[in-house]
Amino acid sequence: MELESLNGESLKVRWLQDVELEVVNSYDEETDTTDTEDQIFRKDEITEFDVFDVREDTQTINVQFGNGSVVYGLPVKLFTIVQDKE
């Protein structure tokens, strides 16, 4: 799958290694501040998220989880896409 075509897609992924990511839980426009936390995703763990931006370098994407939190600049080399069996 071409990375550019991932924009707007919902993905299920498997992590290729243990990763610690900065997850943005909320953003306050008035104060221009974010509420963030570091979250660890374990190797072989399955995670679902929506891609809302494929970066120009096509090596990183911005994603949103079901609870509304986001990760900016997620390197695509950290996961593989899991295909659902029909």
N, C-alpha and C. Protein backbone atom coordinates (compact mmCIF):
# COMPACT_ATOMS: atom_id res chain seq x y z
N MET A 1 0.85 -1.19 0.00
CA MET A 1 0.00 0.00 0.00
C MET A 1 0.88 1.24 0.00
N GLU A 2 0.57 2.18 -0.87
CA GLU A 2 1.31 3.44 -0.93
C GLU A 2 1.00 4.27 0.31
N LEU A 3 2.03 4.82 0.91
CA LEU A 3 1.83 5.60 2.13
C LEU A 3 0.93 6.80 1.91
N GLU A 4 1.04 7.45 0.76
CA GLU A 4 0.22 8.62 0.51
C GLU A 4 -1.27 8.27 0.57
N SER A 5 -1.61 7.03 0.22
CA SER A 5 -3.02 6.62 0.19
C SER A 5 -3.57 6.32 1.59
N LEU A 6 -2.72 6.36 2.60
CA LEU A 6 -3.16 6.07 3.97
C LEU A 6 -3.91 7.23 4.60
N ASN A 7 -3.77 8.43 4.05
CA ASN A 7 -4.41 9.60 4.63
C ASN A 7 -5.92 9.39 4.72
N GLY A 8 -6.47 9.51 5.92
CA GLY A 8 -7.89 9.32 6.14
C GLY A 8 -8.30 7.88 6.39
N GLU A 9 -7.34 6.96 6.42
CA GLU A 9 -7.64 5.55 6.61
C GLU A 9 -7.59 5.15 8.09
N SER A 10 -8.40 4.16 8.44
CA SER A 10 -8.32 3.52 9.75
C SER A 10 -7.42 2.31 9.59
N LEU A 11 -6.44 2.18 10.49
CA LEU A 11 -5.48 1.09 10.38
C LEU A 11 -5.44 0.26 11.66
N LYS A 12 -5.15 -1.01 11.47
CA LYS A 12 -4.81 -1.90 12.57
C LYS A 12 -3.35 -2.27 12.32
N VAL A 13 -2.49 -2.03 13.32
CA VAL A 13 -1.05 -2.25 13.14
C VAL A 13 -0.49 -3.15 14.23
N ARG A 14 0.64 -3.77 13.89
CA ARG A 14 1.41 -4.57 14.85
C ARG A 14 2.77 -3.88 15.00
N TRP A 15 3.15 -3.61 16.25
CA TRP A 15 4.41 -2.93 16.53
C TRP A 15 5.57 -3.90 16.30
N LEU A 16 6.64 -3.43 15.67
CA LEU A 16 7.80 -4.26 15.34
C LEU A 16 8.83 -4.28 16.47
N GLN A 17 8.68 -3.38 17.42
CA GLN A 17 9.57 -3.31 18.59
C GLN A 17 8.83 -2.57 19.68
N ASP A 18 9.37 -2.62 20.89
CA ASP A 18 8.80 -1.80 21.96
C ASP A 18 9.06 -0.34 21.62
N VAL A 19 8.02 0.51 21.77
CA VAL A 19 8.15 1.93 21.45
C VAL A 19 7.51 2.78 22.53
N GLU A 20 8.15 3.88 22.85
CA GLU A 20 7.58 4.85 23.76
C GLU A 20 7.28 6.11 22.95
N LEU A 21 6.01 6.50 22.93
CA LEU A 21 5.57 7.63 22.12
C LEU A 21 4.96 8.71 23.00
N GLU A 22 5.15 9.95 22.60
CA GLU A 22 4.49 11.06 23.27
C GLU A 22 3.09 11.20 22.67
N VAL A 23 2.09 10.96 23.51
CA VAL A 23 0.70 11.00 23.09
C VAL A 23 0.09 12.30 23.60
N VAL A 24 -0.52 13.06 22.69
CA VAL A 24 -1.17 14.32 23.04
C VAL A 24 -2.63 14.02 23.37
N ASN A 25 -3.00 14.22 24.64
CA ASN A 25 -4.36 13.95 25.08
C ASN A 25 -5.31 15.10 24.82
N SER A 26 -4.80 16.33 24.90
CA SER A 26 -5.65 17.50 24.65
C SER A 26 -4.79 18.70 24.31
N TYR A 27 -5.44 19.67 23.68
CA TYR A 27 -4.79 20.92 23.31
C TYR A 27 -5.71 22.08 23.67
N ASP A 28 -5.18 23.06 24.37
CA ASP A 28 -5.94 24.24 24.76
C ASP A 28 -5.55 25.39 23.84
N GLU A 29 -6.46 25.79 22.97
CA GLU A 29 -6.18 26.86 22.01
C GLU A 29 -5.93 28.21 22.68
N GLU A 30 -6.63 28.48 23.77
CA GLU A 30 -6.48 29.77 24.44
C GLU A 30 -5.09 29.96 25.01
N THR A 31 -4.54 28.92 25.61
CA THR A 31 -3.22 29.03 26.23
C THR A 31 -2.12 28.42 25.37
N ASP A 32 -2.49 27.78 24.26
CA ASP A 32 -1.55 27.12 23.36
C ASP A 32 -0.71 26.09 24.10
N THR A 33 -1.38 25.31 24.96
CA THR A 33 -0.68 24.27 25.73
C THR A 33 -1.29 22.91 25.43
N THR A 34 -0.48 21.89 25.63
CA THR A 34 -0.94 20.52 25.41
C THR A 34 -0.81 19.72 26.69
N ASP A 35 -1.67 18.72 26.81
CA ASP A 35 -1.57 17.74 27.88
C ASP A 35 -1.06 16.47 27.21
N THR A 36 0.17 16.06 27.55
CA THR A 36 0.78 14.90 26.92
C THR A 36 1.19 13.87 27.96
N GLU A 37 1.36 12.65 27.48
CA GLU A 37 1.90 11.58 28.32
C GLU A 37 2.69 10.64 27.44
N ASP A 38 3.69 10.01 28.01
CA ASP A 38 4.44 9.00 27.28
C ASP A 38 3.71 7.67 27.44
N GLN A 39 3.50 6.99 26.32
CA GLN A 39 2.81 5.72 26.34
C GLN A 39 3.69 4.68 25.66
N ILE A 40 3.77 3.50 26.26
CA ILE A 40 4.58 2.43 25.72
C ILE A 40 3.69 1.44 24.97
N PHE A 41 4.10 1.13 23.75
CA PHE A 41 3.45 0.11 22.94
C PHE A 41 4.45 -1.04 22.82
N ARG A 42 4.02 -2.23 23.11
CA ARG A 42 4.91 -3.39 23.15
C ARG A 42 5.00 -4.10 21.80
N LYS A 43 6.15 -4.68 21.55
CA LYS A 43 6.37 -5.46 20.33
C LYS A 43 5.25 -6.49 20.19
N ASP A 44 4.73 -6.63 18.97
CA ASP A 44 3.66 -7.57 18.59
C ASP A 44 2.28 -7.17 19.11
N GLU A 45 2.17 -6.09 19.87
CA GLU A 45 0.87 -5.59 20.31
C GLU A 45 0.12 -5.04 19.09
N ILE A 46 -1.19 -5.25 19.05
CA ILE A 46 -2.02 -4.75 17.97
C ILE A 46 -2.70 -3.46 18.45
N THR A 47 -2.64 -2.43 17.62
CA THR A 47 -3.23 -1.13 17.95
C THR A 47 -4.00 -0.62 16.74
N GLU A 48 -5.09 0.08 16.99
CA GLU A 48 -5.88 0.68 15.91
C GLU A 48 -5.83 2.19 16.03
N PHE A 49 -5.73 2.86 14.88
CA PHE A 49 -5.77 4.32 14.85
C PHE A 49 -6.17 4.79 13.46
N ASP A 50 -6.52 6.08 13.39
CA ASP A 50 -6.86 6.72 12.12
C ASP A 50 -5.69 7.61 11.70
N VAL A 51 -5.33 7.55 10.45
CA VAL A 51 -4.28 8.42 9.91
C VAL A 51 -4.94 9.71 9.45
N PHE A 52 -4.47 10.85 9.97
CA PHE A 52 -5.05 12.11 9.52
C PHE A 52 -4.06 12.98 8.75
N ASP A 53 -2.82 12.52 8.62
CA ASP A 53 -1.86 13.26 7.80
C ASP A 53 -0.67 12.37 7.50
N VAL A 54 -0.31 12.27 6.23
CA VAL A 54 0.94 11.63 5.82
C VAL A 54 1.92 12.76 5.54
N ARG A 55 3.02 12.76 6.26
CA ARG A 55 3.99 13.86 6.14
C ARG A 55 4.66 13.84 4.77
N GLU A 56 5.17 14.97 4.36
CA GLU A 56 5.79 15.10 3.04
C GLU A 56 6.91 14.09 2.82
N ASP A 57 7.66 13.79 3.86
CA ASP A 57 8.77 12.84 3.71
C ASP A 57 8.27 11.40 3.56
N THR A 58 6.97 11.18 3.77
CA THR A 58 6.29 9.86 3.71
C THR A 58 6.92 8.81 4.62
N GLN A 59 7.76 9.23 5.53
CA GLN A 59 8.35 8.30 6.49
C GLN A 59 7.67 8.41 7.85
N THR A 60 6.84 9.44 8.02
CA THR A 60 6.12 9.65 9.27
C THR A 60 4.68 10.02 8.97
N ILE A 61 3.81 9.67 9.93
CA ILE A 61 2.38 9.99 9.80
C ILE A 61 1.88 10.56 11.12
N ASN A 62 0.78 11.28 11.06
CA ASN A 62 0.08 11.76 12.25
C ASN A 62 -1.16 10.91 12.41
N VAL A 63 -1.40 10.43 13.64
CA VAL A 63 -2.50 9.50 13.87
C VAL A 63 -3.36 9.93 15.06
N GLN A 64 -4.62 9.46 15.03
CA GLN A 64 -5.54 9.72 16.13
C GLN A 64 -6.13 8.39 16.60
N PHE A 65 -6.11 8.18 17.90
CA PHE A 65 -6.68 6.98 18.51
C PHE A 65 -8.17 7.18 18.76
N GLY A 66 -8.85 6.11 19.07
CA GLY A 66 -10.30 6.14 19.29
C GLY A 66 -10.74 7.06 20.40
N ASN A 67 -9.87 7.31 21.38
CA ASN A 67 -10.23 8.20 22.50
C ASN A 67 -9.97 9.67 22.19
N GLY A 68 -9.51 9.96 20.96
CA GLY A 68 -9.26 11.34 20.56
C GLY A 68 -7.82 11.80 20.72
N SER A 69 -6.99 11.04 21.41
CA SER A 69 -5.59 11.43 21.58
C SER A 69 -4.84 11.23 20.26
N VAL A 70 -3.74 11.95 20.10
CA VAL A 70 -3.00 11.91 18.84
C VAL A 70 -1.50 11.72 19.07
N VAL A 71 -0.84 11.22 18.02
CA VAL A 71 0.62 11.16 17.97
C VAL A 71 1.02 11.83 16.67
N TYR A 72 1.95 12.78 16.78
CA TYR A 72 2.47 13.48 15.61
C TYR A 72 3.82 12.90 15.23
N GLY A 73 4.05 12.73 13.94
CA GLY A 73 5.36 12.29 13.47
C GLY A 73 5.70 10.85 13.80
N LEU A 74 4.71 9.96 13.73
CA LEU A 74 4.95 8.54 14.01
C LEU A 74 5.73 7.92 12.85
N PRO A 75 6.94 7.42 13.10
CA PRO A 75 7.72 6.79 12.04
C PRO A 75 7.05 5.48 11.57
N VAL A 76 6.85 5.34 10.28
CA VAL A 76 6.18 4.16 9.75
C VAL A 76 7.03 2.91 9.87
N LYS A 77 8.33 3.05 10.11
CA LYS A 77 9.20 1.89 10.25
C LYS A 77 8.97 1.15 11.58
N LEU A 78 8.17 1.73 12.49
CA LEU A 78 7.95 1.12 13.79
C LEU A 78 6.83 0.08 13.80
N PHE A 79 6.04 -0.02 12.72
CA PHE A 79 4.91 -0.93 12.71
C PHE A 79 4.70 -1.53 11.32
N THR A 80 3.90 -2.59 11.30
CA THR A 80 3.44 -3.16 10.05
C THR A 80 1.92 -3.19 10.09
N ILE A 81 1.30 -3.00 8.94
CA ILE A 81 -0.16 -2.98 8.87
C ILE A 81 -0.67 -4.42 8.90
N VAL A 82 -1.67 -4.65 9.76
CA VAL A 82 -2.30 -5.95 9.87
C VAL A 82 -3.52 -5.96 8.97
N GLN A 83 -3.60 -6.90 8.09
CA GLN A 83 -4.75 -7.01 7.18
C GLN A 83 -5.81 -7.86 7.87
N ASP A 84 -7.03 -7.33 7.90
CA ASP A 84 -8.15 -8.10 8.46
C ASP A 84 -8.50 -9.21 7.51
N LYS A 85 -8.78 -10.41 8.06
CA LYS A 85 -9.23 -11.52 7.24
C LYS A 85 -10.73 -11.43 7.08
N GLU A 86 -11.18 -11.57 5.86
CA GLU A 86 -12.62 -11.46 5.60
C GLU A 86 -13.28 -12.81 5.70
